[in-house]
Structures are given as C-alpha cells and as structure tokens.
C-alpha cells in the first residue's frame, strides 16, 4: 500500500482509480484507461464431457493473468 500512496502522490496528473492498489489495474491499450485485471479473467466453466485435466483444476484469476501479461 505504501507504493500505491507514493505512486498516486508522485504522479498527480494521472487519474488513478480510488479503489485497490496500482497493481490491481492495467492500462487498456485501446481506451488508454485503467481497467481492473479481473476484467481480463475469462469466466471459468467446467465441461463435464471433457476428461479432467490439471489446468482445469486451477481456473485463472486476476493475479495469474497479471503475471502472464507481464511475462
């Protein structure tokens, strides 16, 4: 949280969302606006007709998408 306070104070010309931390958002390349990482997480649906696989046991979340995006 200290980094977020510093970031918001240091970059006053950038309108940052009031909720969460700077790590909870990414800049949408099309709109150039902050969007929550949760927006990029696809809805998880388990298909009962497909054999269970390890990947299906770990549905994506905001943290995993943020990591993948930055790699």
Protein backbone atom coordinates (compact mmCIF):
# COMPACT_ATOMS: atom_id res chain seq x y z
CA UNK A 1 0.00 0.00 0.00
CA UNK A 2 2.92 2.35 0.64
CA UNK A 3 3.98 2.09 -3.01
CA UNK A 4 0.46 2.94 -4.17
CA UNK A 5 0.38 6.02 -1.93
CA UNK A 6 3.76 7.11 -3.27
CA UNK A 7 2.74 6.46 -6.89
CA UNK A 8 -0.52 8.40 -6.62
CA UNK A 9 1.26 11.29 -4.87
CA UNK A 10 4.17 11.35 -7.31
CA UNK A 11 2.06 11.18 -10.48
CA UNK A 12 -0.74 13.60 -9.63
CA UNK A 13 -1.56 14.28 -13.28
CA UNK A 14 -2.65 10.67 -13.79
CA UNK A 15 -6.21 9.96 -12.67
CA UNK A 16 -5.95 6.66 -10.84
CA UNK A 17 -8.96 4.61 -9.63
CA UNK A 18 -9.67 5.19 -5.95
CA UNK A 19 -10.14 1.51 -5.07
CA UNK A 20 -7.34 -1.02 -4.82
CA UNK A 21 -3.62 -0.60 -5.50
CA UNK A 22 -1.66 0.28 -8.62
CA UNK A 23 -1.07 -3.46 -9.07
CA UNK A 24 -4.81 -4.16 -9.37
CA UNK A 25 -5.06 -2.34 -12.72
CA UNK A 26 -3.60 -2.36 -16.21
CA UNK A 27 -3.88 0.24 -18.94
CA UNK A 28 -6.19 -0.89 -21.71
CA UNK A 29 -4.27 -0.39 -24.98
CA UNK A 30 -7.40 0.66 -26.88
CA UNK A 31 -9.06 3.03 -24.41
CA UNK A 32 -5.85 4.12 -22.62
CA UNK A 33 -7.75 3.86 -19.33
CA UNK A 34 -7.09 1.89 -16.16
CA UNK A 35 -9.04 -1.35 -16.07
CA UNK A 36 -9.07 -3.97 -13.30
CA UNK A 37 -7.18 -7.18 -14.02
CA UNK A 38 -10.38 -9.05 -13.16
CA UNK A 39 -11.81 -7.77 -16.46
CA UNK A 40 -9.32 -9.97 -18.34
CA UNK A 41 -10.17 -13.16 -16.46
CA UNK A 42 -12.45 -15.38 -18.54
CA UNK A 43 -15.41 -16.99 -16.84
CA UNK A 44 -14.50 -20.49 -15.70
CA UNK A 45 -16.78 -23.28 -16.84
CA UNK A 46 -16.01 -26.94 -16.31
CA UNK A 47 -17.17 -29.10 -19.20
CA UNK A 48 -18.36 -32.42 -17.72
CA UNK A 49 -17.78 -34.17 -21.07
CA UNK A 50 -14.05 -33.36 -21.16
CA UNK A 51 -11.71 -35.51 -19.07
CA UNK A 52 -10.40 -33.64 -16.05
CA UNK A 53 -7.02 -32.02 -16.70
CA UNK A 54 -4.65 -30.31 -14.30
CA UNK A 55 -5.14 -26.92 -15.99
CA UNK A 56 -8.87 -27.10 -15.39
CA UNK A 57 -8.27 -27.51 -11.65
CA UNK A 58 -6.72 -24.03 -11.50
CA UNK A 59 -9.03 -21.50 -13.12
CA UNK A 60 -7.48 -18.16 -13.94
CA UNK A 61 -7.71 -15.21 -11.62
CA UNK A 62 -6.55 -11.59 -11.70
CA UNK A 63 -3.16 -12.44 -10.20
CA UNK A 64 -2.37 -15.19 -12.71
CA UNK A 65 -3.43 -13.02 -15.65
CA UNK A 66 -1.35 -10.11 -14.38
CA UNK A 67 1.70 -12.38 -14.14
CA UNK A 68 1.16 -13.87 -17.59
CA UNK A 69 0.65 -10.42 -19.14
CA UNK A 70 3.92 -9.13 -17.69
CA UNK A 71 5.99 -12.11 -18.87
